[in-house]
Amino acid sequence: MKTRNAIIGGAALLVLAAAAAGVWWTQQAPVADPIETVEEDNTPLPIPPVPPRIAEGTDYEKCLGMLTNDPAGAQSFAEAWEATGGGDGATHCLALSTVALGDPEKGAAMLEELAAKSRGTALSRATVYGQADQAWLIAGDAEHAFGAATLALALSPGDGDLLVDRAVAAGLLERFQDSVDDLTAALDIDPRRADGYTFRGSAWRHLGRMDLAQDDIDRALLLDPDRPESLLERGILRQRRNDATGARADWERAIELSPDSGTADLAQQNLALLEAGPARR
């Protein structure tokens, strides 16, 4: 059985449906130093976002439409279509179905190759590179993810989602100042991104800037008071200030809001350590 090492507060699940399918901030220890293991989540991998399109046509739309409910069918359709000259559309659908069916490393490589070779628009190629970044993150390869996100941003430098994506990869590589820089640029584009403030708050925490971390988490929760990841991070900051009651309240609320998520798993682990007391931490 596969396991993933998780420092308490860690082993984030990356979510491809939205811009940064990842919550890397939870990979670092909020409460304790001992490394824990958490059983791998066996739920089907989510599908990366598809617009803007790298291709057009009825077959392309049909194949993409199958991805959510029938990824195996989409894969079979894409393979047959590619064999008869389906071009970029067939390759794109095949790559996405490969990710959805549990081989994100292979799918990421396919997406990156497609983005490099395609004659599509700069924006559509940037989107495919962004999907490759997210798939690399699912595969646990932050270095390749960072590279794919950088290629995407070369084609679409003002894209806030891509900036957040690259910040996720930078965080996994412990390049926290790079994360701050990308997230600051993303927040300059859209200052109402609760995810951006949450990511940046965690990056500031890892850089030892607790005042800036707290400010960003407070902003995130003003924008979205029920964001589980922000509550998880605020609980970490509260625990650091020896506010066990506040930390417990935040982690319990995060579990209540998203009980079947990786965030809930991490909050539950932190609660267990909190209850165990200093001797167990």
Protein backbone atom coordinates (compact mmCIF):
# COMPACT_ATOMS: atom_id res chain seq x y z
CA MET A 1 0.00 0.00 0.00
CA LYS A 2 1.32 3.41 -0.91
CA THR A 3 1.88 5.88 1.89
CA ARG A 4 2.95 9.47 1.88
CA ASN A 5 5.20 10.87 4.56
CA ALA A 6 3.54 13.81 6.24
CA ILE A 7 4.97 16.13 8.83
CA ILE A 8 2.01 17.01 11.03
CA GLY A 9 0.06 19.56 9.09
CA GLY A 10 1.41 18.14 5.89
CA ALA A 11 0.99 15.88 2.89
CA ALA A 12 -1.40 18.14 1.09
CA LEU A 13 -3.68 16.83 -1.59
CA LEU A 14 -3.44 18.78 -4.79
CA VAL A 15 -6.73 19.65 -6.39
CA LEU A 16 -6.56 20.16 -10.15
CA ALA A 17 -10.06 21.54 -10.49
CA ALA A 18 -9.30 25.25 -10.09
CA ALA A 19 -6.11 27.10 -10.43
CA ALA A 20 -3.63 25.49 -8.13
CA ALA A 21 -4.79 22.32 -7.21
CA GLY A 22 -2.51 22.27 -4.41
CA VAL A 23 -2.32 23.23 -0.81
CA TRP A 24 1.41 22.95 -0.22
CA TRP A 25 1.27 25.10 2.88
CA THR A 26 0.00 22.11 4.82
CA GLN A 27 3.16 20.14 4.10
CA GLN A 28 5.07 21.85 6.86
CA ALA A 29 4.95 21.17 10.58
CA PRO A 30 2.53 23.43 12.48
CA VAL A 31 2.62 21.62 15.79
CA ALA A 32 5.30 18.99 16.00
CA ASP A 33 8.50 17.65 14.53
CA PRO A 34 7.86 13.87 14.30
CA ILE A 35 7.10 12.59 10.82
CA GLU A 36 3.81 10.80 10.44
CA THR A 37 2.51 8.59 7.65
CA VAL A 38 -0.91 8.99 6.14
CA GLU A 39 -2.58 6.45 3.92
CA GLU A 40 -2.80 7.53 0.28
CA ASP A 41 -6.17 8.78 -0.88
CA ASN A 42 -7.54 6.34 -3.45
CA THR A 43 -10.31 8.53 -4.83
CA PRO A 44 -10.18 9.20 -8.60
CA LEU A 45 -7.93 12.04 -9.63
CA PRO A 46 -9.77 15.21 -10.60
CA ILE A 47 -9.65 16.59 -14.12
CA PRO A 48 -7.64 19.72 -14.87
CA PRO A 49 -9.55 22.67 -16.28
CA VAL A 50 -9.74 22.58 -20.08
CA PRO A 51 -10.46 26.06 -21.50
CA PRO A 52 -9.16 27.81 -23.51
CA ARG A 53 -9.14 25.07 -26.11
CA ILE A 54 -6.00 23.84 -27.86
CA ALA A 55 -8.23 22.53 -30.67
CA GLU A 56 -11.78 22.74 -32.00
CA GLY A 57 -14.39 20.37 -33.34
CA THR A 58 -17.18 17.99 -32.39
CA ASP A 59 -14.88 15.05 -31.61
CA TYR A 60 -12.75 17.21 -29.34
CA GLU A 61 -15.75 18.46 -27.38
CA LYS A 62 -17.15 14.94 -27.16
CA CYS A 63 -13.89 13.56 -25.79
CA LEU A 64 -13.49 16.34 -23.24
CA GLY A 65 -17.09 15.87 -22.20
CA MET A 66 -16.40 12.25 -21.31
CA LEU A 67 -13.50 13.01 -18.98
CA THR A 68 -15.43 13.63 -15.80
CA ASN A 69 -17.78 10.65 -15.82
CA ASP A 70 -16.01 8.20 -18.13
CA PRO A 71 -12.25 8.83 -18.30
CA ALA A 72 -11.60 5.29 -19.54
CA GLY A 73 -14.05 5.87 -22.37
CA ALA A 74 -12.39 9.19 -23.13
CA GLN A 75 -9.02 7.46 -23.28
CA SER A 76 -10.27 4.80 -25.69
CA PHE A 77 -11.94 7.42 -27.85
CA ALA A 78 -8.80 9.59 -27.87
CA GLU A 79 -6.54 6.67 -28.77
CA ALA A 80 -8.72 5.66 -31.72
CA TRP A 81 -9.05 9.25 -32.82
CA GLU A 82 -5.31 9.92 -32.53
CA ALA A 83 -4.60 6.83 -34.65
CA THR A 84 -6.67 8.35 -37.46
CA GLY A 85 -5.05 11.78 -37.35
CA GLY A 86 -6.85 13.48 -34.47
CA GLY A 87 -4.03 15.96 -33.95
CA ASP A 88 -3.75 18.25 -30.94
CA GLY A 89 -7.33 17.63 -29.81
CA ALA A 90 -6.87 13.87 -29.58
CA THR A 91 -3.49 14.21 -27.86
CA HIS A 92 -4.86 16.70 -25.35
CA CYS A 93 -7.83 14.52 -24.42
CA LEU A 94 -5.61 11.46 -24.21
CA ALA A 95 -3.20 13.26 -21.86
CA LEU A 96 -6.01 14.46 -19.61
CA SER A 97 -7.57 11.02 -19.46
CA THR A 98 -4.18 9.56 -18.57
CA VAL A 99 -3.99 11.91 -15.58
CA ALA A 100 -7.56 11.12 -14.57
CA LEU A 101 -6.90 7.38 -14.72
CA GLY A 102 -4.06 7.57 -12.23
CA ASP A 103 -0.86 8.12 -14.22
CA PRO A 104 -0.20 11.84 -13.68
CA GLU A 105 3.53 11.59 -14.48
CA LYS A 106 2.89 10.18 -17.94
CA GLY A 107 0.02 12.59 -18.50
CA ALA A 108 2.13 15.56 -17.42
CA ALA A 109 4.88 14.65 -19.88
CA MET A 110 2.29 14.30 -22.66
CA LEU A 111 0.79 17.69 -21.84
CA GLU A 112 4.19 19.37 -21.76
CA GLU A 113 5.18 17.86 -25.10
CA LEU A 114 1.87 18.95 -26.63
CA ALA A 115 2.28 22.51 -25.37
CA ALA A 116 5.79 22.67 -26.84
CA LYS A 117 4.82 21.33 -30.27
CA SER A 118 1.34 22.75 -30.77
CA ARG A 119 0.64 25.54 -33.22
CA GLY A 120 -2.22 26.74 -31.06
CA THR A 121 -2.47 30.23 -29.60
CA ALA A 122 -0.08 31.37 -26.89
CA LEU A 123 -2.94 31.40 -24.39
CA SER A 124 -4.07 27.86 -25.19
CA ARG A 125 -0.50 26.57 -25.00
CA ALA A 126 -0.06 28.36 -21.66
CA THR A 127 -3.16 26.58 -20.39
CA VAL A 128 -1.76 23.19 -21.39
CA TYR A 129 1.56 23.98 -19.71
CA GLY A 130 -0.46 24.96 -16.63
CA GLN A 131 -2.23 21.60 -16.72
CA ALA A 132 1.16 19.92 -16.99
CA ASP A 133 2.31 21.84 -13.91
CA GLN A 134 -0.70 20.61 -11.96
CA ALA A 135 -0.26 17.03 -13.14
CA TRP A 136 3.43 17.10 -12.15
CA LEU A 137 2.33 18.23 -8.69
CA ILE A 138 -0.07 15.30 -8.45
CA ALA A 139 2.85 13.07 -9.46
CA GLY A 140 4.92 14.55 -6.63
CA ASP A 141 7.47 16.20 -8.95
CA ALA A 142 7.61 19.82 -7.85
CA GLU A 143 10.73 20.59 -9.86
CA HIS A 144 9.08 19.66 -13.16
CA ALA A 145 5.93 21.45 -12.01
CA PHE A 146 7.87 24.66 -11.42
CA GLY A 147 9.44 24.38 -14.87
CA ALA A 148 6.09 23.83 -16.59
CA ALA A 149 4.54 26.78 -14.77
CA THR A 150 7.47 28.97 -15.79
CA LEU A 151 6.97 27.99 -19.44
CA ALA A 152 3.27 28.79 -19.08
CA LEU A 153 4.03 32.22 -17.64
CA ALA A 154 6.41 32.97 -20.51
CA LEU A 155 3.40 32.66 -22.80
CA SER A 156 0.90 34.36 -20.47
CA PRO A 157 2.84 36.53 -18.01
CA GLY A 158 -0.17 38.32 -16.54
CA ASP A 159 -2.08 35.19 -15.55
CA GLY A 160 -2.78 35.19 -11.83
CA ASP A 161 -3.76 31.53 -11.77
CA LEU A 162 -0.45 30.52 -13.31
CA LEU A 163 1.42 32.66 -10.79
CA VAL A 164 -0.37 30.86 -7.96
CA ASP A 165 0.39 27.52 -9.61
CA ARG A 166 4.09 28.31 -9.73
CA ALA A 167 4.00 29.52 -6.13
CA VAL A 168 2.63 26.12 -5.12
CA ALA A 169 5.55 24.38 -6.80
CA ALA A 170 8.04 26.82 -5.29
CA GLY A 171 6.63 26.12 -1.84
CA LEU A 172 7.09 22.40 -2.29
CA LEU A 173 10.69 23.12 -3.22
CA GLU A 174 11.02 25.24 -0.05
CA ARG A 175 11.64 28.32 -2.17
CA PHE A 176 9.37 30.38 0.02
CA GLN A 177 10.59 33.81 -1.04
CA ASP A 178 9.90 32.87 -4.66
CA SER A 179 6.42 31.85 -3.55
CA VAL A 180 5.90 35.20 -1.85
CA ASP A 181 7.02 37.04 -4.98
CA ASP A 182 4.66 35.13 -7.29
CA LEU A 183 1.76 35.39 -4.88
CA THR A 184 2.30 39.11 -4.43
CA ALA A 185 2.15 39.51 -8.21
CA ALA A 186 -1.03 37.40 -8.34
CA LEU A 187 -2.62 39.49 -5.59
CA ASP A 188 -1.67 42.69 -7.39
CA ILE A 189 -3.71 41.36 -10.33
CA ASP A 190 -6.63 40.26 -8.14
CA PRO A 191 -6.54 41.45 -4.52
CA ARG A 192 -9.62 39.42 -3.60
CA ARG A 193 -7.98 36.00 -3.90
CA ALA A 194 -8.41 34.27 -0.55
CA ASP A 195 -6.26 31.40 -1.81
CA GLY A 196 -3.43 33.81 -2.63
CA TYR A 197 -3.44 35.31 0.86
CA THR A 198 -3.56 31.86 2.43
CA PHE A 199 -0.63 30.57 0.36
CA ARG A 200 1.36 33.71 1.04
CA GLY A 201 0.57 33.62 4.73
CA SER A 202 2.01 30.13 4.92
CA ALA A 203 5.09 31.18 2.97
CA TRP A 204 5.65 34.09 5.35
CA ARG A 205 5.32 31.67 8.28
CA HIS A 206 8.03 29.45 6.83
CA LEU A 207 10.22 32.52 6.42
CA GLY A 208 9.71 33.35 10.09
CA ARG A 209 7.61 36.46 9.41
CA MET A 210 4.74 35.68 11.74
CA ASP A 211 3.37 39.22 11.66
CA LEU A 212 3.01 39.16 7.88
CA ALA A 213 1.67 35.61 8.01
CA GLN A 214 -1.05 36.62 10.44
CA ASP A 215 -1.99 39.65 8.37
CA ASP A 216 -2.42 37.56 5.23
CA ILE A 217 -4.46 34.86 6.95
CA ASP A 218 -6.70 37.52 8.49
CA ARG A 219 -7.25 38.97 5.01
CA ALA A 220 -8.02 35.53 3.59
CA LEU A 221 -10.65 34.90 6.25
CA LEU A 222 -12.22 38.31 5.75
CA LEU A 223 -12.71 37.39 2.11
CA ASP A 224 -13.83 33.80 2.82
CA PRO A 225 -14.57 33.09 6.50
CA ASP A 226 -15.26 29.42 5.83
CA ARG A 227 -12.20 28.52 3.81
CA PRO A 228 -10.88 25.33 5.49
CA GLU A 229 -7.26 25.84 4.41
CA SER A 230 -7.21 29.34 5.88
CA LEU A 231 -8.65 28.05 9.14
CA LEU A 232 -6.04 25.31 9.24
CA GLU A 233 -3.29 27.88 8.81
CA ARG A 234 -4.77 30.26 11.39
CA GLY A 235 -4.89 27.36 13.83
CA ILE A 236 -1.19 26.82 13.22
CA LEU A 237 -0.45 30.46 13.96
CA ARG A 238 -2.62 30.39 17.07
CA GLN A 239 -0.86 27.28 18.34
CA ARG A 240 2.47 29.01 17.81
CA ARG A 241 1.22 31.76 20.13
CA ASN A 242 0.23 29.10 22.71
CA ASP A 243 -3.46 29.73 22.04
CA ALA A 244 -4.53 26.09 22.21
CA THR A 245 -8.22 26.96 22.54
CA GLY A 246 -8.19 29.10 19.40
CA ALA A 247 -6.18 26.55 17.45
CA ARG A 248 -8.56 23.77 18.44
CA ALA A 249 -11.58 25.84 17.37
CA ASP A 250 -10.06 26.55 13.94
CA TRP A 251 -9.07 22.95 13.28
CA GLU A 252 -12.44 21.62 14.39
CA ARG A 253 -14.17 24.11 12.10
CA ALA A 254 -11.94 23.10 9.17
CA ILE A 255 -12.94 19.46 9.71
CA GLU A 256 -16.60 20.39 9.94
CA LEU A 257 -16.46 22.36 6.68
CA SER A 258 -14.54 19.77 4.65
CA PRO A 259 -14.68 16.44 6.50
CA ASP A 260 -13.37 14.19 3.72
CA SER A 261 -10.46 16.36 2.60
CA GLY A 262 -6.72 16.31 3.11
CA THR A 263 -7.11 19.53 5.06
CA ALA A 264 -9.42 17.76 7.50
CA ASP A 265 -6.91 14.92 7.88
CA LEU A 266 -4.19 17.37 8.78
CA ALA A 267 -6.39 19.30 11.17
CA GLN A 268 -7.32 16.03 12.87
CA GLN A 269 -3.65 15.11 13.26
CA ASN A 270 -2.91 18.49 14.81
CA LEU A 271 -5.82 18.07 17.22
CA ALA A 272 -4.47 14.69 18.25
CA LEU A 273 -1.05 16.17 18.96
CA LEU A 274 -2.64 19.04 20.83
CA GLU A 275 -4.50 16.63 23.06
CA ALA A 276 -1.40 14.49 23.56
CA GLY A 277 0.39 17.40 25.17
CA PRO A 278 4.01 18.61 25.00
CA ALA A 279 5.54 15.27 25.95
CA ARG A 280 4.16 13.66 22.81
CA ARG A 281 5.16 16.50 20.48
